[in-house]
PDB file of N, CA and C in Angstrom:
ATOM      1  N   GLN A   1       0.830  -1.198   0.000  1.00  0.00           N
ATOM      2  CA  GLN A   1       0.000   0.000   0.000  1.00  0.00           C
ATOM      3  C   GLN A   1       0.873   1.261   0.000  1.00  0.00           C
ATOM      4  N   ARG A   2       1.981   1.236   0.742  1.00  0.00           N
ATOM      5  CA  ARG A   2       2.866   2.399   0.768  1.00  0.00           C
ATOM      6  C   ARG A   2       3.469   2.674  -0.602  1.00  0.00           C
ATOM      7  N   LEU A   3       3.777   1.617  -1.350  1.00  0.00           N
ATOM      8  CA  LEU A   3       4.360   1.801  -2.674  1.00  0.00           C
ATOM      9  C   LEU A   3       3.378   2.508  -3.606  1.00  0.00           C
ATOM     10  N   MET A   4       2.113   2.093  -3.566  1.00  0.00           N
ATOM     11  CA  MET A   4       1.104   2.717  -4.412  1.00  0.00           C
ATOM     12  C   MET A   4       0.850   4.160  -3.985  1.00  0.00           C
ATOM     13  N   ARG A   5       0.917   4.397  -2.696  1.00  0.00           N
ATOM     14  CA  ARG A   5       0.715   5.761  -2.200  1.00  0.00           C
ATOM     15  C   ARG A   5       1.830   6.676  -2.694  1.00  0.00           C
ATOM     16  N   GLU A   6       3.065   6.185  -2.647  1.00  0.00           N
ATOM     17  CA  GLU A   6       4.204   6.968  -3.139  1.00  0.00           C
ATOM     18  C   GLU A   6       4.074   7.207  -4.645  1.00  0.00           C
ATOM     19  N   CYS A   7       3.653   6.200  -5.367  1.00  0.00           N
ATOM     20  CA  CYS A   7       3.454   6.333  -6.812  1.00  0.00           C
ATOM     21  C   CYS A   7       2.371   7.366  -7.113  1.00  0.00           C
ATOM     22  N   LEU A   8       1.304   7.345  -6.339  1.00  0.00           N
ATOM     23  CA  LEU A   8       0.232   8.323  -6.511  1.00  0.00           C
ATOM     24  C   LEU A   8       0.736   9.738  -6.245  1.00  0.00           C
ATOM     25  N   HIS A   9       1.599   9.899  -5.241  1.00  0.00           N
ATOM     26  CA  HIS A   9       2.173  11.219  -4.964  1.00  0.00           C
ATOM     27  C   HIS A   9       3.000  11.718  -6.149  1.00  0.00           C
ATOM     28  N   LEU A  10       3.726  10.829  -6.782  1.00  0.00           N
ATOM     29  CA  LEU A  10       4.512  11.215  -7.962  1.00  0.00           C
ATOM     30  C   LEU A  10       3.594  11.633  -9.111  1.00  0.00           C
ATOM     31  N   VAL A  11       2.514  10.904  -9.304  1.00  0.00           N
ATOM     32  CA  VAL A  11       1.560  11.253 -10.365  1.00  0.00           C
ATOM     33  C   VAL A  11       0.907  12.597 -10.066  1.00  0.00           C
ATOM     34  N   ARG A  12       0.530  12.824  -8.815  1.00  0.00           N
ATOM     35  CA  ARG A  12      -0.066  14.115  -8.444  1.00  0.00           C
ATOM     36  C   ARG A  12       0.880  15.271  -8.724  1.00  0.00           C
ATOM     37  N   ALA A  13       2.162  15.013  -8.582  1.00  0.00           N
ATOM     38  CA  ALA A  13       3.168  16.044  -8.829  1.00  0.00           C
ATOM     39  C   ALA A  13       3.459  16.209 -10.320  1.00  0.00           C
ATOM     40  N   GLY A  14       2.796  15.408 -11.160  1.00  0.00           N
ATOM     41  CA  GLY A  14       2.999  15.503 -12.600  1.00  0.00           C
ATOM     42  C   GLY A  14       4.245  14.780 -13.068  1.00  0.00           C
ATOM     43  N   ARG A  15       4.791  13.922 -12.234  1.00  0.00           N
ATOM     44  CA  ARG A  15       6.030  13.219 -12.549  1.00  0.00           C
ATOM     45  C   ARG A  15       5.717  11.789 -12.998  1.00  0.00           C
ATOM     46  N   LEU A  16       5.056  11.677 -14.140  1.00  0.00           N
ATOM     47  CA  LEU A  16       4.637  10.366 -14.643  1.00  0.00           C
ATOM     48  C   LEU A  16       5.825   9.466 -14.952  1.00  0.00           C
ATOM     49  N   THR A  17       6.868  10.028 -15.530  1.00  0.00           N
ATOM     50  CA  THR A  17       8.047   9.231 -15.858  1.00  0.00           C
ATOM     51  C   THR A  17       8.702   8.707 -14.591  1.00  0.00           C
ATOM     52  N   ASP A  18       8.793   9.554 -13.568  1.00  0.00           N
ATOM     53  CA  ASP A  18       9.358   9.109 -12.292  1.00  0.00           C
ATOM     54  C   ASP A  18       8.492   8.025 -11.658  1.00  0.00           C
ATOM     55  N   ALA A  19       7.182   8.181 -11.748  1.00  0.00           N
ATOM     56  CA  ALA A  19       6.271   7.167 -11.208  1.00  0.00           C
ATOM     57  C   ALA A  19       6.451   5.841 -11.937  1.00  0.00           C
ATOM     58  N   GLN A  20       6.593   5.923 -13.236  1.00  0.00           N
ATOM     59  CA  GLN A  20       6.792   4.720 -14.040  1.00  0.00           C
ATOM     60  C   GLN A  20       8.117   4.050 -13.668  1.00  0.00           C
ATOM     61  N   GLN A  21       9.184   4.832 -13.544  1.00  0.00           N
ATOM     62  CA  GLN A  21      10.488   4.283 -13.182  1.00  0.00           C
ATOM     63  C   GLN A  21      10.469   3.709 -11.768  1.00  0.00           C
ATOM     64  N   PHE A  22       9.770   4.371 -10.857  1.00  0.00           N
ATOM     65  CA  PHE A  22       9.652   3.886  -9.483  1.00  0.00           C
ATOM     66  C   PHE A  22       8.978   2.516  -9.460  1.00  0.00           C
ATOM     67  N   CYS A  23       7.870   2.385 -10.182  1.00  0.00           N
ATOM     68  CA  CYS A  23       7.161   1.105 -10.225  1.00  0.00           C
ATOM     69  C   CYS A  23       8.046   0.003 -10.810  1.00  0.00           C
ATOM     70  N   ALA A  24       8.756   0.322 -11.865  1.00  0.00           N
ATOM     71  CA  ALA A  24       9.641  -0.671 -12.488  1.00  0.00           C
ATOM     72  C   ALA A  24      10.763  -1.073 -11.526  1.00  0.00           C
ATOM     73  N   LYS A  25      11.283  -0.102 -10.805  1.00  0.00           N
ATOM     74  CA  LYS A  25      12.394  -0.354  -9.886  1.00  0.00           C
ATOM     75  C   LYS A  25      11.996  -1.274  -8.734  1.00  0.00           C
ATOM     76  N   VAL A  26      10.773  -1.136  -8.235  1.00  0.00           N
ATOM     77  CA  VAL A  26      10.334  -1.959  -7.104  1.00  0.00           C
ATOM     78  C   VAL A  26       9.615  -3.237  -7.553  1.00  0.00           C
ATOM     79  N   GLY A  27       9.654  -3.524  -8.840  1.00  0.00           N
ATOM     80  CA  GLY A  27       9.100  -4.775  -9.333  1.00  0.00           C
ATOM     81  C   GLY A  27       7.628  -4.750  -9.690  1.00  0.00           C
ATOM     82  N   LEU A  28       7.060  -3.583  -9.846  1.00  0.00           N
ATOM     83  CA  LEU A  28       5.653  -3.457 -10.230  1.00  0.00           C
ATOM     84  C   LEU A  28       5.566  -3.089 -11.710  1.00  0.00           C
ATOM     85  N   SER A  29       6.082  -3.966 -12.548  1.00  0.00           N
ATOM     86  CA  SER A  29       6.196  -3.646 -13.968  1.00  0.00           C
ATOM     87  C   SER A  29       4.846  -3.480 -14.659  1.00  0.00           C
ATOM     88  N   ALA A  30       3.814  -4.195 -14.226  1.00  0.00           N
ATOM     89  CA  ALA A  30       2.493  -4.044 -14.843  1.00  0.00           C
ATOM     90  C   ALA A  30       1.942  -2.640 -14.584  1.00  0.00           C
ATOM     91  N   ARG A  31       2.155  -2.140 -13.387  1.00  0.00           N
ATOM     92  CA  ARG A  31       1.692  -0.788 -13.067  1.00  0.00           C
ATOM     93  C   ARG A  31       2.522   0.253 -13.813  1.00  0.00           C
ATOM     94  N   ALA A  32       3.809  -0.015 -13.956  1.00  0.00           N
ATOM     95  CA  ALA A  32       4.665   0.886 -14.727  1.00  0.00           C
ATOM     96  C   ALA A  32       4.178   0.962 -16.174  1.00  0.00           C
ATOM     97  N   ALA A  33       3.773  -0.164 -16.707  1.00  0.00           N
ATOM     98  CA  ALA A  33       3.267  -0.196 -18.081  1.00  0.00           C
ATOM     99  C   ALA A  33       1.963   0.582 -18.201  1.00  0.00           C
ATOM    100  N   CYS A  34       1.094   0.486 -17.197  1.00  0.00           N
ATOM    101  CA  CYS A  34      -0.178   1.228 -17.217  1.00  0.00           C
ATOM    102  C   CYS A  34       0.068   2.733 -17.227  1.00  0.00           C
ATOM    103  N   ILE A  35       1.012   3.170 -16.413  1.00  0.00           N
ATOM    104  CA  ILE A  35       1.323   4.601 -16.356  1.00  0.00           C
ATOM    105  C   ILE A  35       1.964   5.048 -17.661  1.00  0.00           C
ATOM    106  N   GLY A  36       2.887   4.251 -18.170  1.00  0.00           N
ATOM    107  CA  GLY A  36       3.587   4.607 -19.402  1.00  0.00           C
ATOM    108  C   GLY A  36       2.710   4.557 -20.632  1.00  0.00           C
ATOM    109  N   ALA A  37       1.694   3.709 -20.611  1.00  0.00           N
ATOM    110  CA  ALA A  37       0.830   3.571 -21.786  1.00  0.00           C
ATOM    111  C   ALA A  37       0.098   4.863 -22.093  1.00  0.00           C
ATOM    112  N   LEU A  38      -0.389   5.536 -21.071  1.00  0.00           N
ATOM    113  CA  LEU A  38      -1.129   6.772 -21.299  1.00  0.00           C
ATOM    114  C   LEU A  38      -0.224   7.842 -21.899  1.00  0.00           C
ATOM    115  N   GLU A  39       0.997   7.884 -21.421  1.00  0.00           N
ATOM    116  CA  GLU A  39       1.950   8.858 -21.936  1.00  0.00           C
ATOM    117  C   GLU A  39       2.348   8.522 -23.378  1.00  0.00           C
ATOM    118  N   ALA A  40       2.431   7.225 -23.676  1.00  0.00           N
ATOM    119  CA  ALA A  40       2.830   6.783 -25.010  1.00  0.00           C
ATOM    120  C   ALA A  40       1.733   7.002 -26.053  1.00  0.00           C
ATOM    121  N   LEU A  41       0.480   6.968 -25.610  1.00  0.00           N
ATOM    122  CA  LEU A  41      -0.628   7.147 -26.546  1.00  0.00           C
ATOM    123  C   LEU A  41      -0.838   8.646 -26.783  1.00  0.00           C
ATOM    124  N   SER A  42      -0.387   9.106 -27.873  1.00  0.00           N
ATOM    125  CA  SER A  42      -0.484  10.531 -28.183  1.00  0.00           C
ATOM    126  C   SER A  42      -1.940  10.945 -28.362  1.00  0.00           C
ATOM    127  N   ALA A  43      -2.246  12.126 -27.875  1.00  0.00           N
ATOM    128  CA  ALA A  43      -3.605  12.658 -28.016  1.00  0.00           C
ATOM    129  C   ALA A  43      -3.914  12.986 -29.475  1.00  0.00           C
ATOM    130  N   ASN A  44      -2.891  13.105 -30.298  1.00  0.00           N
ATOM    131  CA  ASN A  44      -3.088  13.455 -31.706  1.00  0.00           C
ATOM    132  C   ASN A  44      -3.009  12.257 -32.639  1.00  0.00           C
ATOM    133  N   ALA A  45      -2.758  11.076 -32.092  1.00  0.00           N
ATOM    134  CA  ALA A  45      -2.645   9.878 -32.917  1.00  0.00           C
ATOM    135  C   ALA A  45      -4.010   9.502 -33.487  1.00  0.00           C
ATOM    136  N   VAL A  46      -3.989   8.914 -34.650  1.00  0.00           N
ATOM    137  CA  VAL A  46      -5.217   8.488 -35.316  1.00  0.00           C
ATOM    138  C   VAL A  46      -5.381   6.989 -35.103  1.00  0.00           C
ATOM    139  N   ASP A  47      -6.564   6.560 -34.622  1.00  0.00           N
ATOM    140  CA  ASP A  47      -6.794   5.136 -34.396  1.00  0.00           C
ATOM    141  C   ASP A  47      -7.219   4.448 -35.686  1.00  0.00           C
ATOM    142  N   SER A  48      -7.524   3.162 -35.601  1.00  0.00           N
ATOM    143  CA  SER A  48      -7.855   2.377 -36.794  1.00  0.00           C
ATOM    144  C   SER A  48      -9.164   2.805 -37.451  1.00  0.00           C
ATOM    145  N   PHE A  49      -9.998   3.555 -36.741  1.00  0.00           N
ATOM    146  CA  PHE A  49     -11.249   4.048 -37.314  1.00  0.00           C
ATOM    147  C   PHE A  49     -11.096   5.451 -37.898  1.00  0.00           C
ATOM    148  N   GLY A  50      -9.897   6.013 -37.787  1.00  0.00           N
ATOM    149  CA  GLY A  50      -9.656   7.351 -38.318  1.00  0.00           C
ATOM    150  C   GLY A  50      -9.966   8.463 -37.335  1.00  0.00           C
ATOM    151  N   ASP A  51     -10.262   8.113 -36.076  1.00  0.00           N
ATOM    152  CA  ASP A  51     -10.552   9.125 -35.051  1.00  0.00           C
ATOM    153  C   ASP A  51      -9.259   9.633 -34.439  1.00  0.00           C
ATOM    154  N   ILE A  52      -9.141  10.947 -34.371  1.00  0.00           N
ATOM    155  CA  ILE A  52      -7.965  11.536 -33.734  1.00  0.00           C
ATOM    156  C   ILE A  52      -8.100  11.381 -32.227  1.00  0.00           C
ATOM    157  N   GLY A  53      -7.087  10.804 -31.594  1.00  0.00           N
ATOM    158  CA  GLY A  53      -7.091  10.605 -30.146  1.00  0.00           C
ATOM    159  C   GLY A  53      -7.959   9.456 -29.674  1.00  0.00           C
ATOM    160  N   GLY A  54      -8.481   8.663 -30.577  1.00  0.00           N
ATOM    161  CA  GLY A  54      -9.397   7.587 -30.218  1.00  0.00           C
ATOM    162  C   GLY A  54      -8.756   6.506 -29.372  1.00  0.00           C
ATOM    163  N   THR A  55      -7.502   6.182 -29.642  1.00  0.00           N
ATOM    164  CA  THR A  55      -6.813   5.149 -28.879  1.00  0.00           C
ATOM    165  C   THR A  55      -6.625   5.585 -27.436  1.00  0.00           C
ATOM    166  N   ARG A  56      -6.242   6.822 -27.236  1.00  0.00           N
ATOM    167  CA  ARG A  56      -6.049   7.358 -25.886  1.00  0.00           C
ATOM    168  C   ARG A  56      -7.390   7.388 -25.136  1.00  0.00           C
ATOM    169  N   ARG A  57      -8.447   7.822 -25.824  1.00  0.00           N
ATOM    170  CA  ARG A  57      -9.772   7.845 -25.197  1.00  0.00           C
ATOM    171  C   ARG A  57     -10.221   6.436 -24.818  1.00  0.00           C
ATOM    172  N   SER A  58      -9.941   5.474 -25.677  1.00  0.00           N
ATOM    173  CA  SER A  58     -10.320   4.088 -25.398  1.00  0.00           C
ATOM    174  C   SER A  58      -9.585   3.562 -24.167  1.00  0.00           C
ATOM    175  N   TYR A  59      -8.299   3.853 -24.066  1.00  0.00           N
ATOM    176  CA  TYR A  59      -7.515   3.410 -22.919  1.00  0.00           C
ATOM    177  C   TYR A  59      -8.052   4.032 -21.630  1.00  0.00           C
ATOM    178  N   ARG A  60      -8.349   5.317 -21.688  1.00  0.00           N
ATOM    179  CA  ARG A  60      -8.891   6.006 -20.511  1.00  0.00           C
ATOM    180  C   ARG A  60     -10.273   5.439 -20.147  1.00  0.00           C
ATOM    181  N   ALA A  61     -11.064   5.080 -21.144  1.00  0.00           N
ATOM    182  CA  ALA A  61     -12.389   4.501 -20.889  1.00  0.00           C
ATOM    183  C   ALA A  61     -12.260   3.138 -20.206  1.00  0.00           C
ATOM    184  N   VAL A  62     -11.272   2.338 -20.617  1.00  0.00           N
ATOM    185  CA  VAL A  62     -11.041   1.045 -19.977  1.00  0.00           C
ATOM    186  C   VAL A  62     -10.630   1.253 -18.518  1.00  0.00           C
ATOM    187  N   LEU A  63      -9.711   2.190 -18.275  1.00  0.00           N
ATOM    188  CA  LEU A  63      -9.309   2.485 -16.899  1.00  0.00           C
ATOM    189  C   LEU A  63     -10.503   2.952 -16.066  1.00  0.00           C
ATOM    190  N   ALA A  64     -11.325   3.809 -16.628  1.00  0.00           N
ATOM    191  CA  ALA A  64     -12.505   4.312 -15.904  1.00  0.00           C
ATOM    192  C   ALA A  64     -13.449   3.172 -15.555  1.00  0.00           C
ATOM    193  N   ARG A  65     -13.624   2.248 -16.474  1.00  0.00           N
ATOM    194  CA  ARG A  65     -14.514   1.113 -16.220  1.00  0.00           C
ATOM    195  C   ARG A  65     -13.989   0.231 -15.099  1.00  0.00           C
ATOM    196  N   ILE A  66     -12.680   0.034 -15.089  1.00  0.00           N
ATOM    197  CA  ILE A  66     -12.065  -0.764 -14.026  1.00  0.00           C
ATOM    198  C   ILE A  66     -12.251  -0.085 -12.675  1.00  0.00           C
ATOM    199  N   VAL A  67     -11.987   1.210 -12.636  1.00  0.00           N
ATOM    200  CA  VAL A  67     -12.064   1.958 -11.381  1.00  0.00           C
ATOM    201  C   VAL A  67     -13.502   2.023 -10.863  1.00  0.00           C
ATOM    202  N   GLN A  68     -14.473   2.118 -11.748  1.00  0.00           N
ATOM    203  CA  GLN A  68     -15.873   2.241 -11.350  1.00  0.00           C
ATOM    204  C   GLN A  68     -16.481   0.919 -10.907  1.00  0.00           C
ATOM    205  N   ASN A  69     -15.925  -0.189 -11.350  1.00  0.00           N
ATOM    206  CA  ASN A  69     -16.506  -1.499 -11.088  1.00  0.00           C
ATOM    207  C   ASN A  69     -15.870  -2.119  -9.841  1.00  0.00           C
ATOM    208  N   ASP A  70     -16.622  -2.188  -8.758  1.00  0.00           N
ATOM    209  CA  ASP A  70     -16.101  -2.730  -7.502  1.00  0.00           C
ATOM    210  C   ASP A  70     -15.655  -4.185  -7.638  1.00  0.00           C
ATOM    211  N   ALA A  71     -16.313  -4.938  -8.478  1.00  0.00           N
ATOM    212  CA  ALA A  71     -15.953  -6.347  -8.649  1.00  0.00           C
ATOM    213  C   ALA A  71     -14.556  -6.493  -9.256  1.00  0.00           C
ATOM    214  N   LEU A  72     -14.166  -5.563 -10.107  1.00  0.00           N
ATOM    215  CA  LEU A  72     -12.838  -5.615 -10.712  1.00  0.00           C
ATOM    216  C   LEU A  72     -11.757  -5.085  -9.774  1.00  0.00           C
ATOM    217  N   CYS A  73     -12.155  -4.381  -8.740  1.00  0.00           N
ATOM    218  CA  CYS A  73     -11.194  -3.740  -7.827  1.00  0.00           C
ATOM    219  C   CYS A  73     -11.054  -4.477  -6.505  1.00  0.00           C
ATOM    220  N   VAL A  74     -11.482  -5.715  -6.453  1.00  0.00           N
ATOM    221  CA  VAL A  74     -11.468  -6.460  -5.197  1.00  0.00           C
ATOM    222  C   VAL A  74     -10.060  -6.534  -4.604  1.00  0.00           C
ATOM    223  N   ASN A  75      -9.066  -6.789  -5.423  1.00  0.00           N
ATOM    224  CA  ASN A  75      -7.694  -6.953  -4.934  1.00  0.00           C
ATOM    225  C   ASN A  75      -6.889  -5.658  -4.943  1.00  0.00           C
ATOM    226  N   MET A  76      -7.501  -4.554  -5.280  1.00  0.00           N
ATOM    227  CA  MET A  76      -6.803  -3.265  -5.318  1.00  0.00           C
ATOM    228  C   MET A  76      -6.989  -2.526  -4.011  1.00  0.00           C
ATOM    229  N   ASP A  77      -5.917  -1.916  -3.525  1.00  0.00           N
ATOM    230  CA  ASP A  77      -6.099  -1.042  -2.367  1.00  0.00           C
ATOM    231  C   ASP A  77      -6.548   0.337  -2.858  1.00  0.00           C
ATOM    232  N   ARG A  78      -6.910   1.183  -1.940  1.00  0.00           N
ATOM    233  CA  ARG A  78      -7.474   2.492  -2.299  1.00  0.00           C
ATOM    234  C   ARG A  78      -6.488   3.357  -3.079  1.00  0.00           C
ATOM    235  N   SER A  79      -5.212   3.262  -2.745  1.00  0.00           N
ATOM    236  CA  SER A  79      -4.203   4.078  -3.432  1.00  0.00           C
ATOM    237  C   SER A  79      -4.016   3.642  -4.880  1.00  0.00           C
ATOM    238  N   GLU A  80      -4.032   2.336  -5.108  1.00  0.00           N
ATOM    239  CA  GLU A  80      -3.893   1.846  -6.484  1.00  0.00           C
ATOM    240  C   GLU A  80      -5.103   2.250  -7.318  1.00  0.00           C
ATOM    241  N   ARG A  81      -6.277   2.128  -6.733  1.00  0.00           N
ATOM    242  CA  ARG A  81      -7.504   2.535  -7.431  1.00  0.00           C
ATOM    243  C   ARG A  81      -7.453   4.028  -7.750  1.00  0.00           C
ATOM    244  N   ALA A  82      -6.964   4.824  -6.801  1.00  0.00           N
ATOM    245  CA  ALA A  82      -6.843   6.267  -7.017  1.00  0.00           C
ATOM    246  C   ALA A  82      -5.801   6.578  -8.084  1.00  0.00           C
ATOM    247  N   LEU A  83      -4.735   5.788  -8.136  1.00  0.00           N
ATOM    248  CA  LEU A  83      -3.712   5.988  -9.166  1.00  0.00           C
ATOM    249  C   LEU A  83      -4.337   5.845 -10.553  1.00  0.00           C
ATOM    250  N   TYR A  84      -5.077   4.776 -10.762  1.00  0.00           N
ATOM    251  CA  TYR A  84      -5.732   4.582 -12.055  1.00  0.00           C
ATOM    252  C   TYR A  84      -6.808   5.641 -12.301  1.00  0.00           C
ATOM    253  N   ALA A  85      -7.482   6.050 -11.244  1.00  0.00           N
ATOM    254  CA  ALA A  85      -8.487   7.109 -11.379  1.00  0.00           C
ATOM    255  C   ALA A  85      -7.846   8.411 -11.825  1.00  0.00           C
ATOM    256  N   SER A  86      -6.635   8.671 -11.360  1.00  0.00           N
ATOM    257  CA  SER A  86      -5.953   9.902 -11.767  1.00  0.00           C
ATOM    258  C   SER A  86      -5.574   9.873 -13.245  1.00  0.00           C
ATOM    259  N   LEU A  87      -5.374   8.684 -13.783  1.00  0.00           N
ATOM    260  CA  LEU A  87      -5.024   8.559 -15.200  1.00  0.00           C
ATOM    261  C   LEU A  87      -6.231   8.677 -16.122  1.00  0.00           C
ATOM    262  N   CYS A  88      -7.433   8.460 -15.559  1.00  0.00           N
ATOM    263  CA  CYS A  88      -8.626   8.531 -16.415  1.00  0.00           C
ATOM    264  C   CYS A  88      -9.594   9.633 -16.001  1.00  0.00           C
ATOM    265  N   GLY A  89      -9.303  10.345 -14.908  1.00  0.00           N
ATOM    266  CA  GLY A  89     -10.129  11.478 -14.523  1.00  0.00           C
ATOM    267  C   GLY A  89     -11.341  11.156 -13.672  1.00  0.00           C
ATOM    268  N   GLU A  90     -11.356  10.001 -13.025  1.00  0.00           N
ATOM    269  CA  GLU A  90     -12.468   9.634 -12.136  1.00  0.00           C
ATOM    270  C   GLU A  90     -12.289  10.308 -10.780  1.00  0.00           C
ATOM    271  N   LEU A  91     -13.342  10.873 -10.243  1.00  0.00           N
ATOM    272  CA  LEU A  91     -13.243  11.690  -9.040  1.00  0.00           C
ATOM    273  C   LEU A  91     -13.332  10.907  -7.731  1.00  0.00           C
ATOM    274  N   ASP A  92     -14.303  10.039  -7.580  1.00  0.00           N
ATOM    275  CA  ASP A  92     -14.571   9.405  -6.285  1.00  0.00           C
ATOM    276  C   ASP A  92     -13.379   8.653  -5.689  1.00  0.00           C
ATOM    277  N   PRO A  93     -12.666   7.814  -6.457  1.00  0.00           N
ATOM    278  CA  PRO A  93     -11.511   7.130  -5.863  1.00  0.00           C
ATOM    279  C   PRO A  93     -10.408   8.099  -5.421  1.00  0.00           C
ATOM    280  N   LEU A  94     -10.286   9.217  -6.126  1.00  0.00           N
ATOM    281  CA  LEU A  94      -9.288  10.210  -5.731  1.00  0.00           C
ATOM    282  C   LEU A  94      -9.673  10.892  -4.428  1.00  0.00           C
ATOM    283  N   LEU A  95     -10.945  11.213  -4.296  1.00  0.00           N
ATOM    284  CA  LEU A  95     -11.400  11.855  -3.057  1.00  0.00           C
ATOM    285  C   LEU A  95     -11.274  10.907  -1.863  1.00  0.00           C
ATOM    286  N   ALA A  96     -11.393   9.618  -2.111  1.00  0.00           N
ATOM    287  CA  ALA A  96     -11.304   8.637  -1.031  1.00  0.00           C
ATOM    288  C   ALA A  96      -9.920   8.610  -0.378  1.00  0.00           C
ATOM    289  N   VAL A  97      -8.897   9.010  -1.113  1.00  0.00           N
ATOM    290  CA  VAL A  97      -7.540   9.013  -0.557  1.00  0.00           C
ATOM    291  C   VAL A  97      -7.002  10.419  -0.338  1.00  0.00           C
ATOM    292  N   SER A  98      -7.818  11.410  -0.517  1.00  0.00           N
ATOM    293  CA  SER A  98      -7.384  12.799  -0.322  1.00  0.00           C
ATOM    294  C   SER A  98      -7.286  13.090   1.170  1.00  0.00           C
ATOM    295  N   ASP A  99      -6.069  13.351   1.622  1.00  0.00           N
ATOM    296  CA  ASP A  99      -5.828  13.614   3.040  1.00  0.00           C
ATOM    297  C   ASP A  99      -5.925  15.091   3.386  1.00  0.00           C
ATOM    298  N   THR A 100      -5.680  15.931   2.403  1.00  0.00           N
ATOM    299  CA  THR A 100      -5.653  17.362   2.659  1.00  0.00           C
ATOM    300  C   THR A 100      -6.617  18.081   1.723  1.00  0.00           C
ATOM    301  N   PHE A 101      -6.834  19.329   2.022  1.00  0.00           N
ATOM    302  CA  PHE A 101      -7.655  20.172   1.161  1.00  0.00           C
ATOM    303  C   PHE A 101      -7.046  20.248  -0.233  1.00  0.00           C
ATOM    304  N   TYR A 102      -5.719  20.332  -0.301  1.00  0.00           N
ATOM    305  CA  TYR A 102      -5.052  20.466  -1.596  1.00  0.00           C
ATOM    306  C   TYR A 102      -5.145  19.189  -2.429  1.00  0.00           C
ATOM    307  N   ASP A 103      -5.117  18.030  -1.772  1.00  0.00           N
ATOM    308  CA  ASP A 103      -5.338  16.768  -2.491  1.00  0.00           C
ATOM    309  C   ASP A 103      -6.734  16.750  -3.103  1.00  0.00           C
ATOM    310  N   SER A 104      -7.698  17.164  -2.324  1.00  0.00           N
ATOM    311  CA  SER A 104      -9.081  17.215  -2.790  1.00  0.00           C
ATOM    312  C   SER A 104      -9.247  18.225  -3.922  1.00  0.00           C
ATOM    313  N   LEU A 105      -8.604  19.361  -3.770  1.00  0.00           N
ATOM    314  CA  LEU A 105      -8.665  20.397  -4.808  1.00  0.00           C
ATOM    315  C   LEU A 105      -8.052  19.889  -6.108  1.00  0.00           C
ATOM    316  N   TRP A 106      -6.913  19.213  -6.005  1.00  0.00           N
ATOM    317  CA  TRP A 106      -6.260  18.660  -7.193  1.00  0.00           C
ATOM    318  C   TRP A 106      -7.178  17.647  -7.879  1.00  0.00           C
ATOM    319  N   ALA A 107      -7.808  16.788  -7.091  1.00  0.00           N
ATOM    320  CA  ALA A 107      -8.712  15.774  -7.646  1.00  0.00           C
ATOM    321  C   ALA A 107      -9.876  16.420  -8.383  1.00  0.00           C
ATOM    322  N   ARG A 108     -10.458  17.434  -7.757  1.00  0.00           N
ATOM    323  CA  ARG A 108     -11.598  18.119  -8.388  1.00  0.00           C
ATOM    324  C   ARG A 108     -11.186  18.883  -9.645  1.00  0.00           C
ATOM    325  N   PHE A 109     -10.009  19.473  -9.612  1.00  0.00           N
ATOM    326  CA  PHE A 109      -9.515  20.185 -10.797  1.00  0.00           C
ATOM    327  C   PHE A 109      -9.244  19.202 -11.933  1.00  0.00           C
ATOM    328  N   LEU A 110      -8.603  18.079 -11.611  1.00  0.00           N
ATOM    329  CA  LEU A 110      -8.316  17.067 -12.622  1.00  0.00           C
ATOM    330  C   LEU A 110      -9.611  16.560 -13.249  1.00  0.00           C
ATOM    331  N   HIS A 111     -10.612  16.325 -12.429  1.00  0.00           N
ATOM    332  CA  HIS A 111     -11.907  15.842 -12.920  1.00  0.00           C
ATOM    333  C   HIS A 111     -12.580  16.907 -13.798  1.00  0.00           C
ATOM    334  N   ALA A 112     -12.494  18.164 -13.392  1.00  0.00           N
ATOM    335  CA  ALA A 112     -13.118  19.240 -14.169  1.00  0.00           C
ATOM    336  C   ALA A 112     -12.437  19.422 -15.517  1.00  0.00           C
ATOM    337  N   VAL A 113     -11.127  19.272 -15.558  1.00  0.00           N
ATOM    338  CA  VAL A 113     -10.387  19.446 -16.807  1.00  0.00           C
ATOM    339  C   VAL A 113     -10.674  18.297 -17.770  1.00  0.00           C
ATOM    340  N   ASP A 114     -10.825  17.115 -17.220  1.00  0.00           N
ATOM    341  CA  ASP A 114     -11.093  15.944 -18.069  1.00  0.00           C
ATOM    342  C   ASP A 114     -12.536  15.975 -18.507  1.00  0.00           C
TER     343      ASP A 114
END
């Protein structure tokens, strides 16, 4: 749980590459891949249907579905769920781990921008 919390702090700070490297360093390569995938999927890339940014939107939609579905999150702790929520713009899991006013403000701003 502490590892996911530290990773979430890096993501909140906008340090996605550091978060990805941290996960890889501590042996959480699947989580590192999840963080890196969003960065790798360009918002301007064209998907197989010809939609600009469609691949990135699809990835974010999959993350949102995972975060929203309690049955899929059975083995996830709150910090890991919030980490994925931060990548797709879901508000509730982020608020669940917000310890300070500024954490809550960041979560609400991220949700509003998305």
